[in-house]
């Protein structure tokens, strides 16, 4: 029970951190790229009462965006947790292409049936346990939809700040949130305390990061990420 509570809380906290980091990266990208102030656009936005777009933005801003984010995170965590718990109780199915295997485990036996079902038997052939996903820690961990972790990776790409640079580096993935993850890394051009990765394959992500260059400038990084 305690583990379930910790998992749910870590998902809510980590999901909220992920949303805030994403917003920070988007906002600083606008700052680095340079969004120039336009007086005509400002006056139009203040005085144009016939703009449907303007009204839509104002109505949307009435609602507390933080509440919307928190509700969204809680719902996604709840759905992910329910799916995860369902998968944990599923029997492990090992496809041996129609073959049947029995492996001795001290006084018991591990039997893989022709249909892939995996069971623990006693010496008389009585079924003691049906192996489920939760009984294999590595498999259970791989199926977690979110949670804190520590995967080392290398990265290569480019960044923009005072100038454009190619760079490469190494980092640590420290939180998983479905196909997204949070990272910290250092490269040949700067230090990136926060970054967001999106999983493309098992070992490769697209990576965006927010950091400071060795010349003191703010930098936005885009690149690839390869996990060890």
Protein backbone atom coordinates (compact mmCIF):
# COMPACT_ATOMS: atom_id res chain seq x y z
CA UNK A 1 0.00 0.00 0.00
CA UNK A 2 2.79 2.42 0.92
CA UNK A 3 4.57 1.69 -2.36
CA UNK A 4 1.37 2.46 -4.28
CA UNK A 5 0.93 5.78 -2.47
CA UNK A 6 4.57 6.73 -3.12
CA UNK A 7 4.18 5.82 -6.80
CA UNK A 8 1.05 7.95 -7.19
CA UNK A 9 2.58 10.93 -5.36
CA UNK A 10 5.83 10.71 -7.34
CA UNK A 11 3.78 10.69 -10.55
CA UNK A 12 1.83 13.81 -9.56
CA UNK A 13 4.92 15.69 -8.37
CA UNK A 14 7.05 14.59 -11.32
CA UNK A 15 4.28 15.33 -13.82
CA UNK A 16 3.84 18.85 -12.45
CA UNK A 17 7.61 19.42 -12.57
CA UNK A 18 7.59 18.20 -16.17
CA UNK A 19 4.85 20.69 -17.14
CA UNK A 20 6.68 23.59 -15.48
CA UNK A 21 10.00 22.66 -17.11
CA UNK A 22 8.32 22.50 -20.52
CA UNK A 23 6.80 25.94 -19.98
CA UNK A 24 10.17 27.31 -18.88
CA UNK A 25 11.87 25.97 -22.00
CA UNK A 26 9.18 27.41 -24.28
CA UNK A 27 9.29 30.82 -22.57
CA UNK A 28 13.07 31.06 -22.65
CA UNK A 29 13.12 29.95 -26.28
CA UNK A 30 10.97 32.97 -27.08
CA UNK A 31 13.32 35.15 -25.06
CA UNK A 32 16.49 33.83 -26.73
CA UNK A 33 15.07 33.93 -30.23
CA UNK A 34 13.79 37.44 -29.53
CA UNK A 35 10.12 38.35 -29.61
CA UNK A 36 10.00 42.06 -30.46
CA UNK A 37 7.37 44.36 -28.97
CA UNK A 38 4.84 45.73 -31.46
CA UNK A 39 2.88 48.86 -30.40
CA UNK A 40 0.16 48.43 -33.09
CA UNK A 41 -0.46 44.81 -32.02
CA UNK A 42 -0.58 45.89 -28.37
CA UNK A 43 -3.14 48.64 -29.02
CA UNK A 44 -5.20 46.30 -31.20
CA UNK A 45 -5.28 43.68 -28.49
CA UNK A 46 -6.43 46.28 -25.92
CA UNK A 47 -9.17 47.97 -27.97
CA UNK A 48 -10.46 45.42 -30.53
CA UNK A 49 -13.72 44.05 -29.08
CA UNK A 50 -14.78 42.31 -32.30
CA UNK A 51 -11.88 39.83 -32.38
CA UNK A 52 -13.13 36.28 -31.72
CA UNK A 53 -9.53 35.19 -31.11
CA UNK A 54 -9.05 37.91 -28.50
CA UNK A 55 -12.26 36.97 -26.73
CA UNK A 56 -11.28 33.29 -26.74
CA UNK A 57 -7.92 34.13 -25.17
CA UNK A 58 -9.54 36.29 -22.49
CA UNK A 59 -12.16 33.66 -21.61
CA UNK A 60 -9.47 30.99 -21.41
CA UNK A 61 -7.33 33.20 -19.15
CA UNK A 62 -10.22 33.52 -16.68
CA UNK A 63 -9.76 29.89 -15.71
CA UNK A 64 -6.81 29.18 -13.46
CA UNK A 65 -4.32 27.48 -15.75
CA UNK A 66 -2.47 25.95 -12.79
CA UNK A 67 -5.64 24.13 -11.75
CA UNK A 68 -6.11 22.83 -15.29
CA UNK A 69 -2.51 21.56 -15.28
CA UNK A 70 -2.88 19.89 -11.87
CA UNK A 71 -6.16 18.22 -12.86
CA UNK A 72 -4.61 17.01 -16.12
CA UNK A 73 -1.59 15.59 -14.30
CA UNK A 74 -3.76 13.84 -11.69
CA UNK A 75 -5.99 12.28 -14.37
CA UNK A 76 -3.02 11.08 -16.44
CA UNK A 77 -1.33 9.63 -13.33
CA UNK A 78 -4.54 7.88 -12.29
CA UNK A 79 -5.00 6.35 -15.75
CA UNK A 80 -1.35 5.34 -15.93
CA UNK A 81 -1.44 3.82 -12.45
CA UNK A 82 -4.60 1.81 -13.23
CA UNK A 83 -3.10 0.50 -16.45
CA UNK A 84 0.16 -0.37 -14.66
CA UNK A 85 -1.58 -2.27 -11.84
CA UNK A 86 -3.57 -4.21 -14.39
CA UNK A 87 -0.41 -5.20 -16.23
CA UNK A 88 1.30 -6.24 -12.98
CA UNK A 89 -1.34 -8.89 -12.35
CA UNK A 90 -1.09 -10.36 -15.85
CA UNK A 91 0.56 -13.78 -16.23
CA UNK A 92 3.98 -13.83 -17.89
CA UNK A 93 3.82 -15.46 -21.31
CA UNK A 94 7.12 -16.74 -22.73
CA UNK A 95 6.87 -17.74 -26.36
CA UNK A 96 9.20 -20.67 -27.01
CA UNK A 97 7.64 -21.42 -30.41
CA UNK A 98 5.49 -24.28 -29.15
CA UNK A 99 8.19 -25.92 -27.00
CA UNK A 100 7.74 -26.97 -23.38
CA UNK A 101 10.55 -26.45 -20.86
CA UNK A 102 10.99 -27.49 -17.22
CA UNK A 103 13.82 -25.99 -15.13
CA UNK A 104 14.76 -27.26 -11.65
CA UNK A 105 14.76 -24.55 -8.95
CA UNK A 106 16.16 -26.15 -5.79
CA UNK A 107 13.22 -28.22 -4.49
CA UNK A 108 10.75 -26.72 -6.99
CA UNK A 109 10.48 -26.52 -10.78
CA UNK A 110 9.84 -23.71 -13.24
CA UNK A 111 7.68 -24.92 -16.10
CA UNK A 112 7.05 -23.04 -19.35
CA UNK A 113 4.04 -24.53 -21.12
CA UNK A 114 3.67 -24.86 -24.89
CA UNK A 115 1.23 -21.94 -24.86
CA UNK A 116 3.78 -19.75 -23.01
CA UNK A 117 2.26 -19.89 -19.51
CA UNK A 118 4.92 -19.93 -16.78
CA UNK A 119 4.37 -21.76 -13.50
CA UNK A 120 6.23 -22.92 -10.40
CA UNK A 121 5.58 -26.61 -9.58
CA UNK A 122 6.47 -28.82 -6.66
CA UNK A 123 8.09 -32.24 -7.11
CA UNK A 124 4.66 -33.84 -7.52
CA UNK A 125 3.67 -31.49 -10.34
CA UNK A 126 1.30 -29.41 -8.23
CA UNK A 127 1.08 -25.75 -9.32
CA UNK A 128 2.42 -23.56 -6.51
CA UNK A 129 2.43 -20.26 -8.34
CA UNK A 130 1.66 -18.74 -11.73
CA UNK A 131 4.42 -16.28 -12.59
CA UNK A 132 3.07 -12.77 -13.09
CA UNK A 133 4.67 -9.57 -14.35
CA UNK A 134 5.06 -8.20 -10.81
CA UNK A 135 7.22 -11.22 -9.91
CA UNK A 136 9.97 -10.04 -12.30
CA UNK A 137 11.38 -6.72 -10.99
CA UNK A 138 13.12 -5.78 -14.25
CA UNK A 139 9.93 -6.30 -16.27
CA UNK A 140 7.79 -4.44 -13.73
CA UNK A 141 10.22 -1.50 -13.77
CA UNK A 142 10.23 -1.35 -17.57
CA UNK A 143 6.43 -1.13 -17.63
CA UNK A 144 6.16 1.72 -15.12
CA UNK A 145 4.48 4.68 -16.86
CA UNK A 146 6.27 7.23 -14.66
CA UNK A 147 8.77 7.46 -11.84
CA UNK A 148 12.23 8.60 -10.80
CA UNK A 149 15.16 6.76 -12.39
CA UNK A 150 18.82 7.22 -13.33
CA UNK A 151 19.95 6.45 -16.87
CA UNK A 152 23.21 7.80 -18.26
CA UNK A 153 23.25 9.00 -21.86
CA UNK A 154 25.34 10.77 -24.47
CA UNK A 155 23.97 13.54 -26.64
CA UNK A 156 24.91 15.48 -29.76
CA UNK A 157 23.19 18.41 -31.42
CA UNK A 158 23.27 22.17 -31.56
CA UNK A 159 22.24 25.20 -29.56
CA UNK A 160 21.42 28.86 -29.97
CA UNK A 161 22.37 31.68 -27.61
CA UNK A 162 24.75 34.54 -28.42
CA UNK A 163 25.64 32.37 -31.41
CA UNK A 164 24.88 28.99 -32.95
CA UNK A 165 27.08 26.07 -31.91
CA UNK A 166 27.40 22.37 -32.55
CA UNK A 167 28.01 20.40 -29.38
CA UNK A 168 28.14 17.01 -27.71
CA UNK A 169 28.02 15.88 -24.12
CA UNK A 170 26.86 13.49 -21.42
CA UNK A 171 23.98 13.54 -18.97
CA UNK A 172 21.55 11.83 -16.62
CA UNK A 173 17.89 11.00 -17.22
CA UNK A 174 16.21 11.25 -13.80
CA UNK A 175 12.43 11.08 -14.30
CA UNK A 176 10.18 9.20 -16.72
CA UNK A 177 6.68 10.45 -17.59
CA UNK A 178 5.12 8.12 -20.16
CA UNK A 179 7.16 8.74 -23.37
CA UNK A 180 8.70 11.93 -21.98
CA UNK A 181 11.55 12.26 -19.50
CA UNK A 182 13.43 14.91 -17.54
CA UNK A 183 17.21 15.26 -17.87
CA UNK A 184 20.26 17.21 -16.80
CA UNK A 185 23.38 17.28 -18.98
CA UNK A 186 26.61 19.05 -19.81
CA UNK A 187 28.11 19.61 -23.25
CA UNK A 188 31.08 21.19 -24.95
CA UNK A 189 29.15 24.49 -25.10
CA UNK A 190 27.41 24.73 -21.74
CA UNK A 191 25.57 23.31 -18.74
CA UNK A 192 21.90 22.32 -19.08
CA UNK A 193 20.27 21.71 -15.66
CA UNK A 194 16.87 20.98 -17.20
CA UNK A 195 15.94 19.22 -20.39
CA UNK A 196 13.01 17.28 -21.83
CA UNK A 197 13.43 14.11 -23.87
CA UNK A 198 10.86 12.32 -26.03
CA UNK A 199 11.31 8.61 -26.52
CA UNK A 200 11.56 7.54 -30.19
CA UNK A 201 13.04 4.07 -29.74
CA UNK A 202 14.13 2.06 -26.71
CA UNK A 203 17.56 3.73 -26.66
CA UNK A 204 17.08 6.99 -28.58
CA UNK A 205 15.27 10.23 -27.65
CA UNK A 206 14.86 13.68 -29.08
CA UNK A 207 16.21 16.12 -26.49
CA UNK A 208 15.59 19.82 -25.81
CA UNK A 209 17.41 21.62 -23.03
CA UNK A 210 17.65 24.98 -21.30
CA UNK A 211 20.98 26.11 -19.93
CA UNK A 212 23.88 28.52 -19.65
CA UNK A 213 26.86 28.66 -21.98
CA UNK A 214 30.43 28.90 -20.77
CA UNK A 215 30.37 32.55 -21.89
CA UNK A 216 27.45 33.26 -19.55
CA UNK A 217 24.75 33.40 -22.25
CA UNK A 218 21.39 31.65 -22.06
CA UNK A 219 21.22 28.74 -24.49
CA UNK A 220 18.52 26.53 -26.01
CA UNK A 221 19.66 23.06 -27.04
CA UNK A 222 18.14 20.63 -29.55
CA UNK A 223 19.72 17.26 -30.26
CA UNK A 224 19.65 13.50 -30.07
CA UNK A 225 20.10 11.38 -26.96
CA UNK A 226 21.49 7.85 -26.81
CA UNK A 227 21.06 5.89 -23.56
CA UNK A 228 23.72 3.55 -22.23
